PDB file of all heavy atoms in Angstrom:
ATOM      1  N   LEU A   1      99.229 124.745 119.060  1.00  0.00           N
ATOM      2  CA  LEU A   1      98.242 124.838 117.983  1.00  0.00           C
ATOM      3  C   LEU A   1      98.722 124.162 116.715  1.00  0.00           C
ATOM      4  O   LEU A   1      97.974 123.455 116.048  1.00  0.00           O
ATOM      5  CB  LEU A   1      97.907 126.301 117.681  1.00  0.00           C
ATOM      6  CG  LEU A   1      96.998 126.996 118.673  1.00  0.00           C
ATOM      7  CD1 LEU A   1      96.806 128.456 118.280  1.00  0.00           C
ATOM      8  CD2 LEU A   1      95.663 126.289 118.762  1.00  0.00           C
ATOM      9  N   ILE A   2     100.016 124.397 116.360  1.00  0.00           N
ATOM     10  CA  ILE A   2     100.570 123.737 115.174  1.00  0.00           C
ATOM     11  C   ILE A   2     102.009 123.310 115.451  1.00  0.00           C
ATOM     12  O   ILE A   2     102.682 123.862 116.317  1.00  0.00           O
ATOM     13  CB  ILE A   2     100.518 124.626 113.902  1.00  0.00           C
ATOM     14  CG1 ILE A   2     101.432 125.838 114.023  1.00  0.00           C
ATOM     15  CG2 ILE A   2      99.108 125.021 113.559  1.00  0.00           C
ATOM     16  CD1 ILE A   2     101.591 126.608 112.718  1.00  0.00           C
ATOM     17  N   ASP A   3     102.431 122.339 114.697  1.00  0.00           N
ATOM     18  CA  ASP A   3     103.817 121.885 114.699  1.00  0.00           C
ATOM     19  C   ASP A   3     104.158 121.643 113.242  1.00  0.00           C
ATOM     20  O   ASP A   3     103.317 121.144 112.485  1.00  0.00           O
ATOM     21  CB  ASP A   3     103.950 120.604 115.516  1.00  0.00           C
ATOM     22  CG  ASP A   3     105.386 120.181 115.731  1.00  0.00           C
ATOM     23  OD1 ASP A   3     106.289 121.017 115.520  1.00  0.00           O
ATOM     24  OD2 ASP A   3     105.612 119.015 116.111  1.00  0.00           O
ATOM     25  N   TYR A   4     105.357 121.997 112.798  1.00  0.00           N
ATOM     26  CA  TYR A   4     105.687 121.836 111.382  1.00  0.00           C
ATOM     27  C   TYR A   4     107.176 121.594 111.194  1.00  0.00           C
ATOM     28  O   TYR A   4     107.988 121.919 112.053  1.00  0.00           O
ATOM     29  CB  TYR A   4     105.242 123.055 110.570  1.00  0.00           C
ATOM     30  CG  TYR A   4     105.949 124.328 110.950  1.00  0.00           C
ATOM     31  CD1 TYR A   4     107.101 124.721 110.280  1.00  0.00           C
ATOM     32  CD2 TYR A   4     105.489 125.133 111.977  1.00  0.00           C
ATOM     33  CE1 TYR A   4     107.765 125.883 110.621  1.00  0.00           C
ATOM     34  CE2 TYR A   4     106.137 126.297 112.328  1.00  0.00           C
ATOM     35  CZ  TYR A   4     107.273 126.671 111.646  1.00  0.00           C
ATOM     36  OH  TYR A   4     107.927 127.826 111.996  1.00  0.00           O
ATOM     37  N   TRP A   5     107.509 120.998 110.051  1.00  0.00           N
ATOM     38  CA  TRP A   5     108.898 120.778 109.665  1.00  0.00           C
ATOM     39  C   TRP A   5     108.946 120.507 108.168  1.00  0.00           C
ATOM     40  O   TRP A   5     107.934 120.200 107.544  1.00  0.00           O
ATOM     41  CB  TRP A   5     109.528 119.630 110.452  1.00  0.00           C
ATOM     42  CG  TRP A   5     108.884 118.306 110.228  1.00  0.00           C
ATOM     43  CD1 TRP A   5     109.243 117.370 109.305  1.00  0.00           C
ATOM     44  CD2 TRP A   5     107.762 117.763 110.904  1.00  0.00           C
ATOM     45  NE1 TRP A   5     108.417 116.284 109.364  1.00  0.00           N
ATOM     46  CE2 TRP A   5     107.489 116.501 110.350  1.00  0.00           C
ATOM     47  CE3 TRP A   5     106.942 118.226 111.935  1.00  0.00           C
ATOM     48  CZ2 TRP A   5     106.447 115.700 110.786  1.00  0.00           C
ATOM     49  CZ3 TRP A   5     105.911 117.418 112.360  1.00  0.00           C
ATOM     50  CH2 TRP A   5     105.673 116.177 111.802  1.00  0.00           C
ATOM     51  N   LEU A   6     110.142 120.651 107.602  1.00  0.00           N
ATOM     52  CA  LEU A   6     110.377 120.394 106.176  1.00  0.00           C
ATOM     53  C   LEU A   6     111.166 119.108 105.995  1.00  0.00           C
ATOM     54  O   LEU A   6     112.081 118.824 106.767  1.00  0.00           O
ATOM     55  CB  LEU A   6     111.193 121.535 105.552  1.00  0.00           C
ATOM     56  CG  LEU A   6     110.503 122.865 105.380  1.00  0.00           C
ATOM     57  CD1 LEU A   6     111.509 123.913 104.923  1.00  0.00           C
ATOM     58  CD2 LEU A   6     109.377 122.761 104.378  1.00  0.00           C
ATOM     59  N   ILE A   7     110.815 118.354 104.962  1.00  0.00           N
ATOM     60  CA  ILE A   7     111.603 117.196 104.555  1.00  0.00           C
ATOM     61  C   ILE A   7     111.652 117.182 103.030  1.00  0.00           C
ATOM     62  O   ILE A   7     110.816 117.807 102.370  1.00  0.00           O
ATOM     63  CB  ILE A   7     111.041 115.864 105.091  1.00  0.00           C
ATOM     64  CG1 ILE A   7     109.608 115.642 104.610  1.00  0.00           C
ATOM     65  CG2 ILE A   7     111.126 115.784 106.587  1.00  0.00           C
ATOM     66  CD1 ILE A   7     109.067 114.271 104.952  1.00  0.00           C
ATOM     67  N   SER A   8     112.625 116.489 102.473  1.00  0.00           N
ATOM     68  CA  SER A   8     112.735 116.345 101.021  1.00  0.00           C
ATOM     69  C   SER A   8     112.703 114.872 100.652  1.00  0.00           C
ATOM     70  O   SER A   8     113.298 114.047 101.341  1.00  0.00           O
ATOM     71  CB  SER A   8     114.032 116.962 100.504  1.00  0.00           C
ATOM     72  OG  SER A   8     113.981 118.357 100.609  1.00  0.00           O
ATOM     73  N   PHE A   9     112.003 114.568  99.561  1.00  0.00           N
ATOM     74  CA  PHE A   9     111.959 113.223  99.009  1.00  0.00           C
ATOM     75  C   PHE A   9     112.620 113.248  97.651  1.00  0.00           C
ATOM     76  O   PHE A   9     112.463 114.200  96.895  1.00  0.00           O
ATOM     77  CB  PHE A   9     110.512 112.739  98.835  1.00  0.00           C
ATOM     78  CG  PHE A   9     109.821 112.425 100.121  1.00  0.00           C
ATOM     79  CD1 PHE A   9     108.862 113.279 100.628  1.00  0.00           C
ATOM     80  CD2 PHE A   9     110.120 111.267 100.811  1.00  0.00           C
ATOM     81  CE1 PHE A   9     108.211 112.990 101.807  1.00  0.00           C
ATOM     82  CE2 PHE A   9     109.470 110.971 101.993  1.00  0.00           C
ATOM     83  CZ  PHE A   9     108.508 111.830 102.494  1.00  0.00           C
ATOM     84  N   GLY A  10     113.326 112.188  97.321  1.00  0.00           N
ATOM     85  CA  GLY A  10     113.946 112.084  96.009  1.00  0.00           C
ATOM     86  C   GLY A  10     115.422 112.430  96.060  1.00  0.00           C
ATOM     87  O   GLY A  10     116.018 112.572  97.116  1.00  0.00           O
ATOM     88  N   ASP A  11     115.998 112.600  94.855  1.00  0.00           N
ATOM     89  CA  ASP A  11     117.416 112.940  94.752  1.00  0.00           C
ATOM     90  C   ASP A  11     117.632 113.831  93.529  1.00  0.00           C
ATOM     91  O   ASP A  11     116.711 114.109  92.776  1.00  0.00           O
ATOM     92  CB  ASP A  11     118.275 111.677  94.672  1.00  0.00           C
ATOM     93  CG  ASP A  11     117.870 110.760  93.531  1.00  0.00           C
ATOM     94  OD1 ASP A  11     117.479 111.252  92.455  1.00  0.00           O
ATOM     95  OD2 ASP A  11     117.949 109.539  93.711  1.00  0.00           O
ATOM     96  N   GLU A  12     118.875 114.258  93.339  1.00  0.00           N
ATOM     97  CA  GLU A  12     119.187 115.166  92.235  1.00  0.00           C
ATOM     98  C   GLU A  12     118.925 114.529  90.877  1.00  0.00           C
ATOM     99  O   GLU A  12     118.494 115.193  89.952  1.00  0.00           O
ATOM    100  CB  GLU A  12     120.648 115.620  92.329  1.00  0.00           C
ATOM    101  CG  GLU A  12     120.910 116.567  93.468  1.00  0.00           C
ATOM    102  CD  GLU A  12     122.349 117.039  93.493  1.00  0.00           C
ATOM    103  OE1 GLU A  12     123.001 117.019  92.435  1.00  0.00           O
ATOM    104  OE2 GLU A  12     122.813 117.434  94.567  1.00  0.00           O
ATOM    105  N   GLU A  13     119.171 113.246  90.766  1.00  0.00           N
ATOM    106  CA  GLU A  13     119.020 112.568  89.483  1.00  0.00           C
ATOM    107  C   GLU A  13     117.549 112.438  89.066  1.00  0.00           C
ATOM    108  O   GLU A  13     117.187 112.750  87.937  1.00  0.00           O
ATOM    109  CB  GLU A  13     119.662 111.181  89.549  1.00  0.00           C
ATOM    110  CG  GLU A  13     119.675 110.457  88.228  1.00  0.00           C
ATOM    111  CD  GLU A  13     120.410 109.139  88.326  1.00  0.00           C
ATOM    112  OE1 GLU A  13     121.588 109.161  88.730  1.00  0.00           O
ATOM    113  OE2 GLU A  13     119.797 108.117  88.012  1.00  0.00           O
ATOM    114  N   SER A  14     116.715 111.998  89.983  1.00  0.00           N
ATOM    115  CA  SER A  14     115.303 111.790  89.641  1.00  0.00           C
ATOM    116  C   SER A  14     114.434 112.991  89.988  1.00  0.00           C
ATOM    117  O   SER A  14     113.270 113.037  89.637  1.00  0.00           O
ATOM    118  CB  SER A  14     114.772 110.545  90.359  1.00  0.00           C
ATOM    119  OG  SER A  14     114.812 110.736  91.759  1.00  0.00           O
ATOM    120  N   GLY A  15     115.019 113.948  90.680  1.00  0.00           N
ATOM    121  CA  GLY A  15     114.258 115.118  91.122  1.00  0.00           C
ATOM    122  C   GLY A  15     113.791 114.925  92.552  1.00  0.00           C
ATOM    123  O   GLY A  15     113.638 113.805  93.026  1.00  0.00           O
ATOM    124  N   SER A  16     113.603 116.008  93.226  1.00  0.00           N
ATOM    125  CA  SER A  16     113.159 115.920  94.607  1.00  0.00           C
ATOM    126  C   SER A  16     111.979 116.853  94.835  1.00  0.00           C
ATOM    127  O   SER A  16     111.764 117.804  94.090  1.00  0.00           O
ATOM    128  CB  SER A  16     114.297 116.259  95.578  1.00  0.00           C
ATOM    129  OG  SER A  16     114.689 117.600  95.427  1.00  0.00           O
ATOM    130  N   VAL A  17     111.224 116.541  95.864  1.00  0.00           N
ATOM    131  CA  VAL A  17     110.068 117.326  96.264  1.00  0.00           C
ATOM    132  C   VAL A  17     110.270 117.734  97.713  1.00  0.00           C
ATOM    133  O   VAL A  17     110.579 116.905  98.563  1.00  0.00           O
ATOM    134  CB  VAL A  17     108.759 116.520  96.121  1.00  0.00           C
ATOM    135  CG1 VAL A  17     107.578 117.299  96.664  1.00  0.00           C
ATOM    136  CG2 VAL A  17     108.534 116.127  94.674  1.00  0.00           C
ATOM    137  N   GLU A  18     110.125 119.020  97.981  1.00  0.00           N
ATOM    138  CA  GLU A  18     110.203 119.531  99.348  1.00  0.00           C
ATOM    139  C   GLU A  18     108.798 119.486  99.943  1.00  0.00           C
ATOM    140  O   GLU A  18     107.851 119.982  99.339  1.00  0.00           O
ATOM    141  CB  GLU A  18     110.741 120.959  99.344  1.00  0.00           C
ATOM    142  CG  GLU A  18     110.959 121.524 100.721  1.00  0.00           C
ATOM    143  CD  GLU A  18     111.528 122.931 100.670  1.00  0.00           C
ATOM    144  OE1 GLU A  18     110.959 123.779  99.958  1.00  0.00           O
ATOM    145  OE2 GLU A  18     112.519 123.167 101.352  1.00  0.00           O
ATOM    146  N   VAL A  19     108.673 118.867 101.123  1.00  0.00           N
ATOM    147  CA  VAL A  19     107.372 118.688 101.752  1.00  0.00           C
ATOM    148  C   VAL A  19     107.324 119.460 103.064  1.00  0.00           C
ATOM    149  O   VAL A  19     108.189 119.291 103.920  1.00  0.00           O
ATOM    150  CB  VAL A  19     107.074 117.196 102.020  1.00  0.00           C
ATOM    151  CG1 VAL A  19     105.700 117.038 102.666  1.00  0.00           C
ATOM    152  CG2 VAL A  19     107.174 116.397 100.738  1.00  0.00           C
ATOM    153  N   LEU A  20     106.303 120.297 103.197  1.00  0.00           N
ATOM    154  CA  LEU A  20     106.030 121.001 104.443  1.00  0.00           C
ATOM    155  C   LEU A  20     104.978 120.191 105.196  1.00  0.00           C
ATOM    156  O   LEU A  20     103.836 120.082 104.744  1.00  0.00           O
ATOM    157  CB  LEU A  20     105.517 122.421 104.161  1.00  0.00           C
ATOM    158  CG  LEU A  20     105.070 123.240 105.365  1.00  0.00           C
ATOM    159  CD1 LEU A  20     106.209 123.454 106.360  1.00  0.00           C
ATOM    160  CD2 LEU A  20     104.496 124.572 104.911  1.00  0.00           C
ATOM    161  N   ASN A  21     105.375 119.567 106.296  1.00  0.00           N
ATOM    162  CA  ASN A  21     104.462 118.798 107.146  1.00  0.00           C
ATOM    163  C   ASN A  21     103.904 119.707 108.219  1.00  0.00           C
ATOM    164  O   ASN A  21     104.679 120.356 108.940  1.00  0.00           O
ATOM    165  CB  ASN A  21     105.203 117.644 107.827  1.00  0.00           C
ATOM    166  CG  ASN A  21     105.565 116.557 106.866  1.00  0.00           C
ATOM    167  OD1 ASN A  21     104.710 115.781 106.481  1.00  0.00           O
ATOM    168  ND2 ASN A  21     106.822 116.520 106.461  1.00  0.00           N
ATOM    169  N   ILE A  22     102.597 119.750 108.338  1.00  0.00           N
ATOM    170  CA  ILE A  22     101.948 120.578 109.352  1.00  0.00           C
ATOM    171  C   ILE A  22     100.969 119.712 110.141  1.00  0.00           C
ATOM    172  O   ILE A  22     100.085 119.083 109.572  1.00  0.00           O
ATOM    173  CB  ILE A  22     101.170 121.753 108.723  1.00  0.00           C
ATOM    174  CG1 ILE A  22     102.084 122.615 107.867  1.00  0.00           C
ATOM    175  CG2 ILE A  22     100.496 122.589 109.814  1.00  0.00           C
ATOM    176  CD1 ILE A  22     101.349 123.681 107.059  1.00  0.00           C
ATOM    177  N   TYR A  23     101.160 119.665 111.450  1.00  0.00           N
ATOM    178  CA  TYR A  23     100.212 119.024 112.352  1.00  0.00           C
ATOM    179  C   TYR A  23      99.494 120.131 113.099  1.00  0.00           C
ATOM    180  O   TYR A  23     100.129 121.065 113.590  1.00  0.00           O
ATOM    181  CB  TYR A  23     100.944 118.125 113.350  1.00  0.00           C
ATOM    182  CG  TYR A  23     101.335 116.793 112.775  1.00  0.00           C
ATOM    183  CD1 TYR A  23     102.341 116.685 111.829  1.00  0.00           C
ATOM    184  CD2 TYR A  23     100.681 115.640 113.185  1.00  0.00           C
ATOM    185  CE1 TYR A  23     102.691 115.458 111.290  1.00  0.00           C
ATOM    186  CE2 TYR A  23     101.030 114.401 112.654  1.00  0.00           C
ATOM    187  CZ  TYR A  23     102.032 114.327 111.710  1.00  0.00           C
ATOM    188  OH  TYR A  23     102.370 113.112 111.188  1.00  0.00           O
ATOM    189  N   TYR A  24      98.176 120.042 113.194  1.00  0.00           N
ATOM    190  CA  TYR A  24      97.423 121.072 113.904  1.00  0.00           C
ATOM    191  C   TYR A  24      96.429 120.439 114.864  1.00  0.00           C
ATOM    192  O   TYR A  24      95.996 119.306 114.687  1.00  0.00           O
ATOM    193  CB  TYR A  24      96.726 122.014 112.929  1.00  0.00           C
ATOM    194  CG  TYR A  24      95.641 121.373 112.095  1.00  0.00           C
ATOM    195  CD1 TYR A  24      94.317 121.438 112.494  1.00  0.00           C
ATOM    196  CD2 TYR A  24      95.938 120.702 110.925  1.00  0.00           C
ATOM    197  CE1 TYR A  24      93.321 120.847 111.740  1.00  0.00           C
ATOM    198  CE2 TYR A  24      94.948 120.116 110.163  1.00  0.00           C
ATOM    199  CZ  TYR A  24      93.645 120.191 110.576  1.00  0.00           C
ATOM    200  OH  TYR A  24      92.666 119.596 109.825  1.00  0.00           O
ATOM    201  N   ARG A  25      96.053 121.217 115.878  1.00  0.00           N
ATOM    202  CA  ARG A  25      95.177 120.708 116.927  1.00  0.00           C
ATOM    203  C   ARG A  25      93.762 121.244 116.796  1.00  0.00           C
ATOM    204  O   ARG A  25      92.812 120.487 116.923  1.00  0.00           O
ATOM    205  CB  ARG A  25      95.755 121.076 118.288  1.00  0.00           C
ATOM    206  CG  ARG A  25      94.950 120.557 119.455  1.00  0.00           C
ATOM    207  CD  ARG A  25      95.641 120.873 120.740  1.00  0.00           C
ATOM    208  NE  ARG A  25      95.849 122.299 120.859  1.00  0.00           N
ATOM    209  CZ  ARG A  25      95.806 122.973 121.982  1.00  0.00           C
ATOM    210  NH1 ARG A  25      95.584 122.343 123.103  1.00  0.00           N
ATOM    211  NH2 ARG A  25      96.013 124.254 122.011  1.00  0.00           N
ATOM    212  N   HIS A  26      93.579 122.553 116.595  1.00  0.00           N
ATOM    213  CA  HIS A  26      92.253 123.174 116.481  1.00  0.00           C
ATOM    214  C   HIS A  26      92.152 123.858 115.133  1.00  0.00           C
ATOM    215  O   HIS A  26      92.904 124.787 114.854  1.00  0.00           O
ATOM    216  CB  HIS A  26      92.036 124.226 117.574  1.00  0.00           C
ATOM    217  CG  HIS A  26      91.861 123.652 118.934  1.00  0.00           C
ATOM    218  ND1 HIS A  26      90.703 123.025 119.324  1.00  0.00           N
ATOM    219  CD2 HIS A  26      92.695 123.585 119.986  1.00  0.00           C
ATOM    220  CE1 HIS A  26      90.835 122.618 120.571  1.00  0.00           C
ATOM    221  NE2 HIS A  26      92.045 122.940 120.988  1.00  0.00           N
ATOM    222  N   GLN A  27      91.211 123.413 114.310  1.00  0.00           N
ATOM    223  CA  GLN A  27      91.102 123.951 112.962  1.00  0.00           C
ATOM    224  C   GLN A  27      90.878 125.460 112.954  1.00  0.00           C
ATOM    225  O   GLN A  27      91.603 126.194 112.292  1.00  0.00           O
ATOM    226  CB  GLN A  27      89.968 123.268 112.206  1.00  0.00           C
ATOM    227  CG  GLN A  27      89.821 123.783 110.790  1.00  0.00           C
ATOM    228  CD  GLN A  27      88.767 123.030 110.028  1.00  0.00           C
ATOM    229  OE1 GLN A  27      88.465 121.887 110.336  1.00  0.00           O
ATOM    230  NE2 GLN A  27      88.201 123.655 109.044  1.00  0.00           N
ATOM    231  N   ASP A  28      89.890 125.942 113.675  1.00  0.00           N
ATOM    232  CA  ASP A  28      89.564 127.373 113.633  1.00  0.00           C
ATOM    233  C   ASP A  28      90.690 128.239 114.179  1.00  0.00           C
ATOM    234  O   ASP A  28      91.011 129.280 113.622  1.00  0.00           O
ATOM    235  CB  ASP A  28      88.269 127.652 114.392  1.00  0.00           C
ATOM    236  CG  ASP A  28      87.059 127.021 113.712  1.00  0.00           C
ATOM    237  OD1 ASP A  28      87.112 126.820 112.488  1.00  0.00           O
ATOM    238  OD2 ASP A  28      86.074 126.726 114.415  1.00  0.00           O
ATOM    239  N   GLU A  29      91.294 127.822 115.278  1.00  0.00           N
ATOM    240  CA  GLU A  29      92.368 128.603 115.883  1.00  0.00           C
ATOM    241  C   GLU A  29      93.669 128.497 115.094  1.00  0.00           C
ATOM    242  O   GLU A  29      94.449 129.444 115.055  1.00  0.00           O
ATOM    243  CB  GLU A  29      92.603 128.145 117.321  1.00  0.00           C
ATOM    244  CG  GLU A  29      91.439 128.419 118.248  1.00  0.00           C
ATOM    245  CD  GLU A  29      91.674 127.850 119.637  1.00  0.00           C
ATOM    246  OE1 GLU A  29      92.851 127.727 120.049  1.00  0.00           O
ATOM    247  OE2 GLU A  29      90.689 127.523 120.297  1.00  0.00           O
ATOM    248  N   SER A  30      93.913 127.371 114.467  1.00  0.00           N
ATOM    249  CA  SER A  30      95.169 127.135 113.753  1.00  0.00           C
ATOM    250  C   SER A  30      95.174 127.706 112.344  1.00  0.00           C
ATOM    251  O   SER A  30      96.247 127.978 111.795  1.00  0.00           O
ATOM    252  CB  SER A  30      95.454 125.635 113.665  1.00  0.00           C
ATOM    253  OG  SER A  30      95.548 125.067 114.929  1.00  0.00           O
ATOM    254  N   LEU A  31      94.007 127.873 111.736  1.00  0.00           N
ATOM    255  CA  LEU A  31      93.937 128.254 110.329  1.00  0.00           C
ATOM    256  C   LEU A  31      94.737 129.506 109.980  1.00  0.00           C
ATOM    257  O   LEU A  31      95.500 129.488 109.007  1.00  0.00           O
ATOM    258  CB  LEU A  31      92.483 128.398 109.881  1.00  0.00           C
ATOM    259  CG  LEU A  31      92.280 128.658 108.404  1.00  0.00           C
ATOM    260  CD1 LEU A  31      92.888 127.545 107.560  1.00  0.00           C
ATOM    261  CD2 LEU A  31      90.804 128.821 108.091  1.00  0.00           C
ATOM    262  N   PRO A  32      94.635 130.625 110.734  1.00  0.00           N
ATOM    263  CA  PRO A  32      95.450 131.800 110.368  1.00  0.00           C
ATOM    264  C   PRO A  32      96.958 131.523 110.403  1.00  0.00           C
ATOM    265  O   PRO A  32      97.704 131.999 109.541  1.00  0.00           O
ATOM    266  CB  PRO A  32      95.065 132.855 111.409  1.00  0.00           C
ATOM    267  CG  PRO A  32      93.756 132.414 111.953  1.00  0.00           C
ATOM    268  CD  PRO A  32      93.745 130.920 111.854  1.00  0.00           C
ATOM    269  N   LEU A  33      97.407 130.726 111.366  1.00  0.00           N
ATOM    270  CA  LEU A  33      98.832 130.388 111.454  1.00  0.00           C
ATOM    271  C   LEU A  33      99.251 129.503 110.283  1.00  0.00           C
ATOM    272  O   LEU A  33     100.325 129.693 109.699  1.00  0.00           O
ATOM    273  CB  LEU A  33      99.120 129.660 112.767  1.00  0.00           C
ATOM    274  CG  LEU A  33      98.853 130.449 114.046  1.00  0.00           C
ATOM    275  CD1 LEU A  33      98.966 129.527 115.252  1.00  0.00           C
ATOM    276  CD2 LEU A  33      99.825 131.601 114.161  1.00  0.00           C
ATOM    277  N   ILE A  34      98.404 128.556 109.923  1.00  0.00           N
ATOM    278  CA  ILE A  34      98.704 127.658 108.804  1.00  0.00           C
ATOM    279  C   ILE A  34      98.753 128.435 107.495  1.00  0.00           C
ATOM    280  O   ILE A  34      99.669 128.248 106.686  1.00  0.00           O
ATOM    281  CB  ILE A  34      97.669 126.521 108.736  1.00  0.00           C
ATOM    282  CG1 ILE A  34      97.826 125.601 109.948  1.00  0.00           C
ATOM    283  CG2 ILE A  34      97.799 125.738 107.438  1.00  0.00           C
ATOM    284  CD1 ILE A  34      96.713 124.581 110.107  1.00  0.00           C
ATOM    285  N   GLU A  35      97.787 129.325 107.289  1.00  0.00           N
ATOM    286  CA  GLU A  35      97.773 130.130 106.056  1.00  0.00           C
ATOM    287  C   GLU A  35      99.040 130.963 105.924  1.00  0.00           C
ATOM    288  O   GLU A  35      99.640 131.022 104.852  1.00  0.00           O
ATOM    289  CB  GLU A  35      96.548 131.044 106.030  1.00  0.00           C
ATOM    290  CG  GLU A  35      95.254 130.306 105.786  1.00  0.00           C
ATOM    291  CD  GLU A  35      94.047 131.212 105.885  1.00  0.00           C
ATOM    292  OE1 GLU A  35      94.111 132.277 106.562  1.00  0.00           O
ATOM    293  OE2 GLU A  35      93.013 130.859 105.291  1.00  0.00           O
ATOM    294  N   ARG A  36      99.451 131.591 106.995  1.00  0.00           N
ATOM    295  CA  ARG A  36     100.657 132.428 106.960  1.00  0.00           C
ATOM    296  C   ARG A  36     101.906 131.588 106.708  1.00  0.00           C
ATOM    297  O   ARG A  36     102.770 131.944 105.908  1.00  0.00           O
ATOM    298  CB  ARG A  36     100.805 133.198 108.268  1.00  0.00           C
ATOM    299  CG  ARG A  36     102.071 134.009 108.319  1.00  0.00           C
ATOM    300  CD  ARG A  36     102.259 134.613 109.659  1.00  0.00           C
ATOM    301  NE  ARG A  36     102.374 136.043 109.502  1.00  0.00           N
ATOM    302  CZ  ARG A  36     102.391 136.887 110.496  1.00  0.00           C
ATOM    303  NH1 ARG A  36     102.239 136.461 111.716  1.00  0.00           N
ATOM    304  NH2 ARG A  36     102.558 138.154 110.263  1.00  0.00           N
ATOM    305  N   LEU A  37     101.996 130.447 107.383  1.00  0.00           N
ATOM    306  CA  LEU A  37     103.134 129.548 107.211  1.00  0.00           C
ATOM    307  C   LEU A  37     103.242 129.086 105.761  1.00  0.00           C
ATOM    308  O   LEU A  37     104.314 129.138 105.157  1.00  0.00           O
ATOM    309  CB  LEU A  37     102.989 128.350 108.144  1.00  0.00           C
ATOM    310  CG  LEU A  37     104.054 127.275 108.057  1.00  0.00           C
ATOM    311  CD1 LEU A  37     105.410 127.832 108.469  1.00  0.00           C
ATOM    312  CD2 LEU A  37     103.666 126.097 108.935  1.00  0.00           C
ATOM    313  N   ILE A  38     102.142 128.673 105.172  1.00  0.00           N
ATOM    314  CA  ILE A  38     102.148 128.201 103.784  1.00  0.00           C
ATOM    315  C   ILE A  38     102.497 129.333 102.828  1.00  0.00           C
ATOM    316  O   ILE A  38     103.324 129.166 101.933  1.00  0.00           O
ATOM    317  CB  ILE A  38     100.793 127.571 103.417  1.00  0.00           C
ATOM    318  CG1 ILE A  38     100.609 126.256 104.189  1.00  0.00           C
ATOM    319  CG2 ILE A  38     100.690 127.332 101.908  1.00  0.00           C
ATOM    320  CD1 ILE A  38      99.223 125.657 104.074  1.00  0.00           C
TER     321      ILE A  38
END
């Protein structure tokens, strides 16, 4: 239903952003899992 992972962009000097990537297959079935994960 979903697949997810974290990555970071940037560095200590310029600042970094942590990104939660979420891939989902079925919107209605995946939504509760996505909401909880976020």
